[in-house]
Amino acid sequence: MEHVSVLADEDVTDRPGCTHPWLAGLGRWVHDRVGEPVRDDLRRAAPDLVGVLGPDEAIRHALVVRCARLGWELTPANELFRRLAEGDDGESGSRWFRTSAPRRLVDFGALFVDVCVATAVLEPAARDEVLGALLLDALAECRALGGHVTEAVTDLEGNGHVLVLDA
């Protein structure tokens, strides 16, 4: 995520303002849990993370569902993964998602940790591939929701980036 902040001409941080906080969090979590080959793939996707900001509620919901689908695929008996994977229409806050019925608060970070635990049954290379795909698929889905930068190009003087936003 530091590379994303540099591409967006922001101060170097792993929490760039140019990327939805939940998507940036997923990026940090995946990056910190995979090996170098997958990290190389993620570095190439960094420009695509620039400017993915909204719509907020839709991105939160998409990320919860995407993580839950992977968790459910790996642990089919997990009832929470099943309900969330089926698109439980709840509400969300800055780091949590409340399921609709019965009401239950789910911390997005804890959900991702549960997904990582579910991937523990996989060989390390397969786990890395699955987690890398989770982030790249989530990124594609979030970009499809709209409100993102369509280009990030260096200006002619090389002084930074010109961001071209979708209308």
N, C-alpha and C. Protein backbone atom coordinates (compact mmCIF):
# COMPACT_ATOMS: atom_id res chain seq x y z
N MET A 1 0.82 -1.19 0.00
CA MET A 1 0.00 0.00 0.00
C MET A 1 0.87 1.26 0.00
N GLU A 2 2.11 1.14 0.50
CA GLU A 2 3.02 2.27 0.43
C GLU A 2 3.26 2.66 -1.03
N HIS A 3 3.41 1.66 -1.89
CA HIS A 3 3.64 1.92 -3.32
C HIS A 3 2.42 2.63 -3.91
N VAL A 4 1.24 2.26 -3.50
CA VAL A 4 0.02 2.91 -3.98
C VAL A 4 0.03 4.38 -3.58
N SER A 5 0.42 4.68 -2.34
CA SER A 5 0.44 6.08 -1.89
C SER A 5 1.44 6.90 -2.71
N VAL A 6 2.58 6.30 -3.05
CA VAL A 6 3.58 7.00 -3.87
C VAL A 6 3.02 7.25 -5.28
N LEU A 7 2.37 6.24 -5.85
CA LEU A 7 1.78 6.41 -7.19
C LEU A 7 0.74 7.52 -7.22
N ALA A 8 0.05 7.70 -6.10
CA ALA A 8 -0.99 8.74 -6.01
C ALA A 8 -0.42 10.08 -5.57
N ASP A 9 0.91 10.17 -5.46
CA ASP A 9 1.57 11.40 -5.05
C ASP A 9 1.14 11.85 -3.65
N GLU A 10 0.94 10.86 -2.77
CA GLU A 10 0.62 11.12 -1.37
C GLU A 10 1.88 10.87 -0.54
N ASP A 11 1.84 11.28 0.73
CA ASP A 11 2.91 10.91 1.65
C ASP A 11 2.95 9.38 1.72
N VAL A 12 4.14 8.83 1.92
CA VAL A 12 4.28 7.38 1.99
C VAL A 12 3.57 6.85 3.24
N THR A 13 2.60 5.97 3.00
CA THR A 13 1.83 5.38 4.09
C THR A 13 1.23 4.07 3.60
N ASP A 14 0.93 3.18 4.53
CA ASP A 14 0.25 1.95 4.14
C ASP A 14 -1.27 2.12 4.22
N ARG A 15 -1.71 3.36 4.46
CA ARG A 15 -3.14 3.69 4.50
C ARG A 15 -3.41 4.88 3.58
N PRO A 16 -3.23 4.68 2.27
CA PRO A 16 -3.38 5.82 1.36
C PRO A 16 -4.83 6.32 1.29
N GLY A 17 -4.97 7.62 1.22
CA GLY A 17 -6.29 8.22 1.11
C GLY A 17 -6.94 7.99 -0.24
N CYS A 18 -6.17 7.50 -1.20
CA CYS A 18 -6.68 7.30 -2.55
C CYS A 18 -7.35 5.94 -2.75
N THR A 19 -7.40 5.13 -1.70
CA THR A 19 -7.98 3.79 -1.78
C THR A 19 -8.96 3.60 -0.63
N HIS A 20 -10.10 2.98 -0.91
CA HIS A 20 -11.08 2.73 0.15
C HIS A 20 -10.38 2.03 1.32
N PRO A 21 -10.63 2.47 2.56
CA PRO A 21 -9.91 1.91 3.71
C PRO A 21 -10.06 0.39 3.86
N TRP A 22 -11.21 -0.17 3.55
CA TRP A 22 -11.38 -1.62 3.68
C TRP A 22 -10.59 -2.35 2.60
N LEU A 23 -10.55 -1.81 1.40
CA LEU A 23 -9.78 -2.43 0.32
C LEU A 23 -8.29 -2.31 0.63
N ALA A 24 -7.86 -1.15 1.15
CA ALA A 24 -6.46 -0.98 1.55
C ALA A 24 -6.11 -1.96 2.68
N GLY A 25 -7.02 -2.14 3.62
CA GLY A 25 -6.80 -3.10 4.70
C GLY A 25 -6.64 -4.51 4.16
N LEU A 26 -7.49 -4.88 3.23
CA LEU A 26 -7.38 -6.21 2.61
C LEU A 26 -6.04 -6.33 1.91
N GLY A 27 -5.61 -5.26 1.24
CA GLY A 27 -4.30 -5.27 0.57
C GLY A 27 -3.16 -5.48 1.55
N ARG A 28 -3.20 -4.79 2.68
CA ARG A 28 -2.16 -4.97 3.70
C ARG A 28 -2.16 -6.39 4.24
N TRP A 29 -3.35 -6.89 4.57
CA TRP A 29 -3.45 -8.23 5.16
C TRP A 29 -2.95 -9.30 4.21
N VAL A 30 -3.36 -9.20 2.95
CA VAL A 30 -2.92 -10.21 1.98
C VAL A 30 -1.41 -10.10 1.78
N HIS A 31 -0.92 -8.89 1.55
CA HIS A 31 0.52 -8.68 1.31
C HIS A 31 1.36 -9.27 2.44
N ASP A 32 0.91 -9.08 3.68
CA ASP A 32 1.68 -9.54 4.84
C ASP A 32 1.63 -11.05 5.04
N ARG A 33 0.78 -11.74 4.29
CA ARG A 33 0.60 -13.18 4.50
C ARG A 33 1.00 -14.05 3.31
N VAL A 34 1.51 -13.44 2.26
CA VAL A 34 1.88 -14.21 1.08
C VAL A 34 3.37 -14.10 0.81
N GLY A 35 3.88 -15.02 -0.01
CA GLY A 35 5.29 -15.03 -0.37
C GLY A 35 5.61 -14.08 -1.52
N GLU A 36 6.89 -13.97 -1.83
CA GLU A 36 7.37 -13.03 -2.85
C GLU A 36 6.72 -13.19 -4.22
N PRO A 37 6.55 -14.41 -4.76
CA PRO A 37 5.95 -14.49 -6.10
C PRO A 37 4.58 -13.80 -6.19
N VAL A 38 3.74 -13.98 -5.18
CA VAL A 38 2.42 -13.34 -5.19
C VAL A 38 2.56 -11.85 -4.91
N ARG A 39 3.50 -11.46 -4.06
CA ARG A 39 3.73 -10.03 -3.81
C ARG A 39 4.11 -9.31 -5.09
N ASP A 40 4.88 -9.98 -5.96
CA ASP A 40 5.23 -9.37 -7.25
C ASP A 40 3.97 -9.10 -8.07
N ASP A 41 3.04 -10.05 -8.09
CA ASP A 41 1.76 -9.84 -8.79
C ASP A 41 0.99 -8.68 -8.19
N LEU A 42 1.00 -8.60 -6.87
CA LEU A 42 0.28 -7.51 -6.20
C LEU A 42 0.91 -6.15 -6.50
N ARG A 43 2.24 -6.11 -6.57
CA ARG A 43 2.92 -4.84 -6.91
C ARG A 43 2.49 -4.35 -8.29
N ARG A 44 2.34 -5.28 -9.23
CA ARG A 44 1.90 -4.89 -10.58
C ARG A 44 0.47 -4.35 -10.58
N ALA A 45 -0.32 -4.75 -9.59
CA ALA A 45 -1.71 -4.27 -9.49
C ALA A 45 -1.82 -2.95 -8.74
N ALA A 46 -0.73 -2.46 -8.17
CA ALA A 46 -0.77 -1.25 -7.34
C ALA A 46 -1.41 -0.05 -8.06
N PRO A 47 -1.10 0.20 -9.34
CA PRO A 47 -1.75 1.35 -9.99
C PRO A 47 -3.27 1.24 -10.04
N ASP A 48 -3.78 0.01 -10.07
CA ASP A 48 -5.22 -0.19 -10.11
C ASP A 48 -5.90 0.11 -8.78
N LEU A 49 -5.12 0.14 -7.69
CA LEU A 49 -5.67 0.48 -6.37
C LEU A 49 -5.81 1.98 -6.17
N VAL A 50 -5.11 2.76 -7.00
CA VAL A 50 -5.17 4.22 -6.88
C VAL A 50 -6.57 4.68 -7.29
N GLY A 51 -7.23 5.38 -6.39
CA GLY A 51 -8.50 6.01 -6.71
C GLY A 51 -9.74 5.15 -6.52
N VAL A 52 -9.61 3.96 -5.98
CA VAL A 52 -10.80 3.13 -5.73
C VAL A 52 -11.38 3.57 -4.39
N LEU A 53 -12.40 4.41 -4.45
CA LEU A 53 -12.90 5.05 -3.23
C LEU A 53 -14.37 4.81 -2.92
N GLY A 54 -15.17 4.49 -3.85
CA GLY A 54 -16.58 4.40 -3.50
C GLY A 54 -17.38 3.76 -4.59
N PRO A 55 -18.64 3.55 -4.37
CA PRO A 55 -19.45 3.97 -3.23
C PRO A 55 -19.15 3.14 -1.98
N ASP A 56 -19.05 3.84 -0.88
CA ASP A 56 -18.56 3.26 0.37
C ASP A 56 -19.32 2.00 0.80
N GLU A 57 -20.63 2.10 0.95
CA GLU A 57 -21.42 0.97 1.45
C GLU A 57 -21.34 -0.22 0.50
N ALA A 58 -21.35 0.04 -0.79
CA ALA A 58 -21.27 -1.05 -1.78
C ALA A 58 -19.91 -1.75 -1.72
N ILE A 59 -18.85 -0.99 -1.54
CA ILE A 59 -17.52 -1.59 -1.44
C ILE A 59 -17.41 -2.43 -0.18
N ARG A 60 -17.91 -1.91 0.94
CA ARG A 60 -17.86 -2.68 2.18
C ARG A 60 -18.61 -4.00 2.02
N HIS A 61 -19.80 -3.93 1.46
CA HIS A 61 -20.61 -5.13 1.28
C HIS A 61 -19.91 -6.11 0.34
N ALA A 62 -19.36 -5.62 -0.75
CA ALA A 62 -18.67 -6.49 -1.71
C ALA A 62 -17.48 -7.19 -1.08
N LEU A 63 -16.72 -6.49 -0.24
CA LEU A 63 -15.55 -7.09 0.39
C LEU A 63 -15.95 -8.14 1.42
N VAL A 64 -16.99 -7.87 2.18
CA VAL A 64 -17.48 -8.86 3.15
C VAL A 64 -17.92 -10.13 2.41
N VAL A 65 -18.71 -9.96 1.37
CA VAL A 65 -19.22 -11.11 0.61
C VAL A 65 -18.06 -11.87 -0.04
N ARG A 66 -17.12 -11.16 -0.63
CA ARG A 66 -15.99 -11.81 -1.31
C ARG A 66 -15.17 -12.64 -0.32
N CYS A 67 -14.84 -12.07 0.84
CA CYS A 67 -14.07 -12.82 1.86
C CYS A 67 -14.88 -14.01 2.38
N ALA A 68 -16.16 -13.79 2.63
CA ALA A 68 -16.99 -14.86 3.16
C ALA A 68 -17.14 -16.01 2.16
N ARG A 69 -17.22 -15.69 0.88
CA ARG A 69 -17.32 -16.76 -0.14
C ARG A 69 -16.09 -17.65 -0.10
N LEU A 70 -14.92 -17.05 0.02
CA LEU A 70 -13.70 -17.86 0.10
C LEU A 70 -13.71 -18.69 1.38
N GLY A 71 -14.07 -18.08 2.49
CA GLY A 71 -14.13 -18.82 3.75
C GLY A 71 -15.12 -19.97 3.68
N TRP A 72 -16.27 -19.74 3.07
CA TRP A 72 -17.30 -20.77 2.95
C TRP A 72 -16.84 -21.91 2.03
N GLU A 73 -16.15 -21.54 0.95
CA GLU A 73 -15.62 -22.55 0.04
C GLU A 73 -14.64 -23.48 0.77
N LEU A 74 -13.85 -22.91 1.65
CA LEU A 74 -12.84 -23.69 2.37
C LEU A 74 -13.40 -24.41 3.60
N THR A 75 -14.44 -23.83 4.21
CA THR A 75 -15.04 -24.43 5.41
C THR A 75 -16.56 -24.39 5.27
N PRO A 76 -17.13 -25.31 4.48
CA PRO A 76 -18.56 -25.28 4.17
C PRO A 76 -19.48 -25.37 5.39
N ALA A 77 -19.00 -25.87 6.50
CA ALA A 77 -19.85 -25.99 7.69
C ALA A 77 -19.96 -24.67 8.46
N ASN A 78 -19.19 -23.66 8.09
CA ASN A 78 -19.20 -22.39 8.82
C ASN A 78 -20.46 -21.59 8.46
N GLU A 79 -21.37 -21.50 9.40
CA GLU A 79 -22.66 -20.84 9.17
C GLU A 79 -22.52 -19.34 8.91
N LEU A 80 -21.61 -18.68 9.62
CA LEU A 80 -21.43 -17.24 9.40
C LEU A 80 -20.91 -16.98 7.99
N PHE A 81 -19.90 -17.74 7.56
CA PHE A 81 -19.40 -17.58 6.19
C PHE A 81 -20.54 -17.78 5.19
N ARG A 82 -21.37 -18.80 5.42
CA ARG A 82 -22.47 -19.08 4.49
C ARG A 82 -23.42 -17.89 4.40
N ARG A 83 -23.85 -17.37 5.55
CA ARG A 83 -24.81 -16.25 5.54
C ARG A 83 -24.23 -15.02 4.88
N LEU A 84 -22.98 -14.72 5.19
CA LEU A 84 -22.36 -13.54 4.58
C LEU A 84 -22.09 -13.75 3.10
N ALA A 85 -21.69 -14.97 2.71
CA ALA A 85 -21.41 -15.27 1.31
C ALA A 85 -22.67 -15.17 0.45
N GLU A 86 -23.80 -15.44 1.06
CA GLU A 86 -25.06 -15.36 0.32
C GLU A 86 -25.56 -13.92 0.22
N GLY A 87 -24.75 -12.97 0.69
CA GLY A 87 -25.07 -11.56 0.51
C GLY A 87 -25.99 -11.00 1.56
N ASP A 88 -25.92 -11.50 2.79
CA ASP A 88 -26.72 -10.99 3.90
C ASP A 88 -26.74 -9.46 3.83
N ASP A 89 -27.90 -8.89 3.65
CA ASP A 89 -28.02 -7.44 3.54
C ASP A 89 -28.03 -6.80 4.92
N GLY A 90 -26.86 -6.54 5.42
CA GLY A 90 -26.73 -5.90 6.71
C GLY A 90 -26.32 -4.45 6.53
N GLU A 91 -25.74 -3.91 7.57
CA GLU A 91 -25.23 -2.54 7.52
C GLU A 91 -23.80 -2.58 8.02
N SER A 92 -23.03 -1.54 7.69
CA SER A 92 -21.63 -1.57 8.10
C SER A 92 -21.21 -0.24 8.69
N GLY A 93 -20.14 -0.33 9.48
CA GLY A 93 -19.52 0.85 10.06
C GLY A 93 -18.09 0.93 9.54
N SER A 94 -17.22 1.63 10.24
CA SER A 94 -15.87 1.82 9.73
C SER A 94 -15.06 0.53 9.68
N ARG A 95 -15.31 -0.42 10.61
CA ARG A 95 -14.57 -1.69 10.60
C ARG A 95 -15.47 -2.88 10.84
N TRP A 96 -16.77 -2.70 10.85
CA TRP A 96 -17.65 -3.81 11.19
C TRP A 96 -18.77 -3.93 10.18
N PHE A 97 -19.38 -5.09 10.19
CA PHE A 97 -20.54 -5.37 9.35
C PHE A 97 -21.56 -6.06 10.24
N ARG A 98 -22.77 -5.54 10.28
CA ARG A 98 -23.83 -6.13 11.10
C ARG A 98 -24.72 -6.95 10.18
N THR A 99 -24.84 -8.25 10.49
CA THR A 99 -25.70 -9.11 9.70
C THR A 99 -27.15 -8.77 10.00
N SER A 100 -28.05 -9.15 9.10
CA SER A 100 -29.45 -8.73 9.26
C SER A 100 -30.20 -9.54 10.31
N ALA A 101 -30.23 -10.86 10.22
CA ALA A 101 -31.02 -11.63 11.19
C ALA A 101 -30.39 -12.99 11.41
N PRO A 102 -30.11 -13.43 12.60
CA PRO A 102 -30.17 -12.60 13.80
C PRO A 102 -29.05 -11.56 13.77
N ARG A 103 -29.27 -10.44 14.41
CA ARG A 103 -28.29 -9.36 14.38
C ARG A 103 -26.98 -9.84 14.99
N ARG A 104 -25.91 -9.66 14.27
CA ARG A 104 -24.59 -10.05 14.77
C ARG A 104 -23.56 -9.09 14.18
N LEU A 105 -22.70 -8.59 15.03
CA LEU A 105 -21.64 -7.69 14.60
C LEU A 105 -20.44 -8.50 14.15
N VAL A 106 -19.92 -8.21 12.97
CA VAL A 106 -18.77 -8.92 12.44
C VAL A 106 -17.69 -7.88 12.14
N ASP A 107 -16.53 -8.01 12.78
CA ASP A 107 -15.40 -7.12 12.51
C ASP A 107 -14.74 -7.58 11.21
N PHE A 108 -14.55 -6.66 10.27
CA PHE A 108 -13.98 -7.04 8.98
C PHE A 108 -12.58 -7.64 9.14
N GLY A 109 -11.77 -7.07 10.02
CA GLY A 109 -10.44 -7.62 10.26
C GLY A 109 -10.52 -9.03 10.80
N ALA A 110 -11.45 -9.26 11.74
CA ALA A 110 -11.62 -10.61 12.30
C ALA A 110 -12.13 -11.57 11.23
N LEU A 111 -13.00 -11.10 10.34
CA LEU A 111 -13.49 -11.94 9.24
C LEU A 111 -12.32 -12.38 8.37
N PHE A 112 -11.43 -11.45 8.05
CA PHE A 112 -10.29 -11.80 7.22
C PHE A 112 -9.36 -12.77 7.95
N VAL A 113 -9.15 -12.57 9.24
CA VAL A 113 -8.34 -13.51 10.02
C VAL A 113 -8.96 -14.90 9.95
N ASP A 114 -10.29 -14.99 10.08
CA ASP A 114 -10.97 -16.28 9.97
C ASP A 114 -10.76 -16.90 8.59
N VAL A 115 -10.76 -16.09 7.55
CA VAL A 115 -10.49 -16.59 6.20
C VAL A 115 -9.06 -17.11 6.12
N CYS A 116 -8.11 -16.39 6.70
CA CYS A 116 -6.71 -16.84 6.70
C CYS A 116 -6.57 -18.16 7.43
N VAL A 117 -7.27 -18.30 8.55
CA VAL A 117 -7.24 -19.57 9.28
C VAL A 117 -7.80 -20.68 8.40
N ALA A 118 -8.87 -20.39 7.68
CA ALA A 118 -9.47 -21.40 6.79
C ALA A 118 -8.49 -21.81 5.69
N THR A 119 -7.63 -20.90 5.26
CA THR A 119 -6.66 -21.24 4.21
C THR A 119 -5.49 -22.06 4.74
N ALA A 120 -5.40 -22.22 6.06
CA ALA A 120 -4.28 -22.96 6.66
C ALA A 120 -4.25 -24.42 6.21
N VAL A 121 -5.37 -24.94 5.73
CA VAL A 121 -5.40 -26.34 5.27
C VAL A 121 -4.69 -26.49 3.93
N LEU A 122 -4.42 -25.39 3.26
CA LEU A 122 -3.79 -25.43 1.93
C LEU A 122 -2.27 -25.45 2.05
N GLU A 123 -1.62 -25.99 1.03
CA GLU A 123 -0.16 -25.89 0.94
C GLU A 123 0.20 -24.41 0.82
N PRO A 124 1.38 -23.98 1.30
CA PRO A 124 1.73 -22.55 1.28
C PRO A 124 1.58 -21.89 -0.10
N ALA A 125 2.03 -22.53 -1.15
CA ALA A 125 1.92 -21.91 -2.48
C ALA A 125 0.46 -21.75 -2.90
N ALA A 126 -0.36 -22.76 -2.60
CA ALA A 126 -1.79 -22.68 -2.94
C ALA A 126 -2.47 -21.61 -2.10
N ARG A 127 -2.12 -21.52 -0.81
CA ARG A 127 -2.68 -20.49 0.06
C ARG A 127 -2.34 -19.11 -0.48
N ASP A 128 -1.08 -18.91 -0.84
CA ASP A 128 -0.66 -17.61 -1.39
C ASP A 128 -1.45 -17.27 -2.64
N GLU A 129 -1.62 -18.25 -3.51
CA GLU A 129 -2.36 -18.03 -4.76
C GLU A 129 -3.82 -17.66 -4.47
N VAL A 130 -4.44 -18.36 -3.52
CA VAL A 130 -5.83 -18.10 -3.17
C VAL A 130 -5.98 -16.71 -2.56
N LEU A 131 -5.09 -16.33 -1.66
CA LEU A 131 -5.18 -15.01 -1.05
C LEU A 131 -4.88 -13.90 -2.06
N GLY A 132 -3.91 -14.12 -2.93
CA GLY A 132 -3.63 -13.13 -3.99
C GLY A 132 -4.83 -12.95 -4.90
N ALA A 133 -5.46 -14.06 -5.28
CA ALA A 133 -6.65 -13.99 -6.13
C ALA A 133 -7.79 -13.28 -5.40
N LEU A 134 -7.91 -13.51 -4.09
CA LEU A 134 -8.94 -12.83 -3.31
C LEU A 134 -8.79 -11.32 -3.46
N LEU A 135 -7.58 -10.81 -3.28
CA LEU A 135 -7.37 -9.37 -3.38
C LEU A 135 -7.61 -8.88 -4.81
N LEU A 136 -7.06 -9.56 -5.79
CA LEU A 136 -7.22 -9.09 -7.17
C LEU A 136 -8.68 -9.15 -7.63
N ASP A 137 -9.40 -10.19 -7.22
CA ASP A 137 -10.83 -10.28 -7.56
C ASP A 137 -11.62 -9.19 -6.84
N ALA A 138 -11.29 -8.95 -5.57
CA ALA A 138 -11.96 -7.90 -4.82
C ALA A 138 -11.70 -6.54 -5.45
N LEU A 139 -10.47 -6.31 -5.88
CA LEU A 139 -10.12 -5.06 -6.54
C LEU A 139 -10.95 -4.87 -7.81
N ALA A 140 -11.04 -5.91 -8.63
CA ALA A 140 -11.82 -5.82 -9.88
C ALA A 140 -13.28 -5.52 -9.57
N GLU A 141 -13.82 -6.16 -8.56
CA GLU A 141 -15.22 -5.94 -8.19
C GLU A 141 -15.43 -4.52 -7.69
N CYS A 142 -14.52 -4.02 -6.86
CA CYS A 142 -14.65 -2.66 -6.33
C CYS A 142 -14.52 -1.62 -7.44
N ARG A 143 -13.62 -1.85 -8.38
CA ARG A 143 -13.49 -0.92 -9.51
C ARG A 143 -14.76 -0.91 -10.35
N ALA A 144 -15.39 -2.07 -10.49
CA ALA A 144 -16.62 -2.16 -11.28
C ALA A 144 -17.77 -1.41 -10.62
N LEU A 145 -17.68 -1.17 -9.31
CA LEU A 145 -18.73 -0.45 -8.60
C LEU A 145 -18.72 1.05 -8.92
N GLY A 146 -17.63 1.54 -9.51
CA GLY A 146 -17.60 2.93 -9.94
C GLY A 146 -16.89 3.85 -8.98
N GLY A 147 -16.76 5.12 -9.40
CA GLY A 147 -16.14 6.14 -8.59
C GLY A 147 -14.65 5.95 -8.44
N HIS A 148 -13.98 5.48 -9.49
CA HIS A 148 -12.55 5.22 -9.39
C HIS A 148 -11.79 5.98 -10.46
N VAL A 149 -10.48 6.07 -10.24
CA VAL A 149 -9.59 6.70 -11.19
C VAL A 149 -9.43 5.78 -12.39
N THR A 150 -9.51 6.32 -13.58
CA THR A 150 -9.36 5.48 -14.76
C THR A 150 -7.95 5.52 -15.32
N GLU A 151 -7.18 6.54 -14.98
CA GLU A 151 -5.79 6.63 -15.44
C GLU A 151 -4.95 7.31 -14.37
N ALA A 152 -3.73 6.88 -14.25
CA ALA A 152 -2.76 7.59 -13.43
C ALA A 152 -1.51 7.69 -14.28
N VAL A 153 -1.23 8.87 -14.79
CA VAL A 153 -0.10 9.05 -15.70
C VAL A 153 0.82 10.13 -15.18
N THR A 154 2.11 9.97 -15.40
CA THR A 154 3.07 10.99 -14.99
C THR A 154 2.92 12.20 -15.90
N ASP A 155 2.91 13.39 -15.30
CA ASP A 155 2.77 14.58 -16.14
C ASP A 155 4.04 14.78 -16.97
N LEU A 156 3.99 15.65 -17.94
CA LEU A 156 5.09 15.81 -18.90
C LEU A 156 6.39 16.22 -18.25
N GLU A 157 6.33 16.96 -17.15
CA GLU A 157 7.54 17.40 -16.47
C GLU A 157 8.05 16.34 -15.49
N GLY A 158 7.31 15.24 -15.30
CA GLY A 158 7.73 14.21 -14.37
C GLY A 158 7.54 14.60 -12.92
N ASN A 159 6.63 15.54 -12.66
CA ASN A 159 6.43 16.06 -11.30
C ASN A 159 5.38 15.31 -10.50
N GLY A 160 4.89 14.23 -10.98
CA GLY A 160 3.85 13.53 -10.24
C GLY A 160 2.87 12.89 -11.18
N HIS A 161 1.66 12.71 -10.70
CA HIS A 161 0.65 12.03 -11.48
C HIS A 161 -0.56 12.92 -11.70
N VAL A 162 -1.14 12.77 -12.86
CA VAL A 162 -2.39 13.40 -13.18
C VAL A 162 -3.44 12.31 -13.08
N LEU A 163 -4.43 12.49 -12.25
CA LEU A 163 -5.44 11.47 -12.06
C LEU A 163 -6.69 11.84 -12.86
N VAL A 164 -7.14 10.94 -13.69
CA VAL A 164 -8.31 11.16 -14.52
C VAL A 164 -9.45 10.37 -13.89
N LEU A 165 -10.46 11.07 -13.37
CA LEU A 165 -11.54 10.42 -12.65
C LEU A 165 -12.69 10.09 -13.55
N ASP A 166 -13.37 8.97 -13.26
CA ASP A 166 -14.63 8.66 -13.94
C ASP A 166 -15.64 9.72 -13.56
N ALA A 167 -16.54 9.97 -14.47
CA ALA A 167 -17.60 10.95 -14.19
C ALA A 167 -18.70 10.32 -13.38
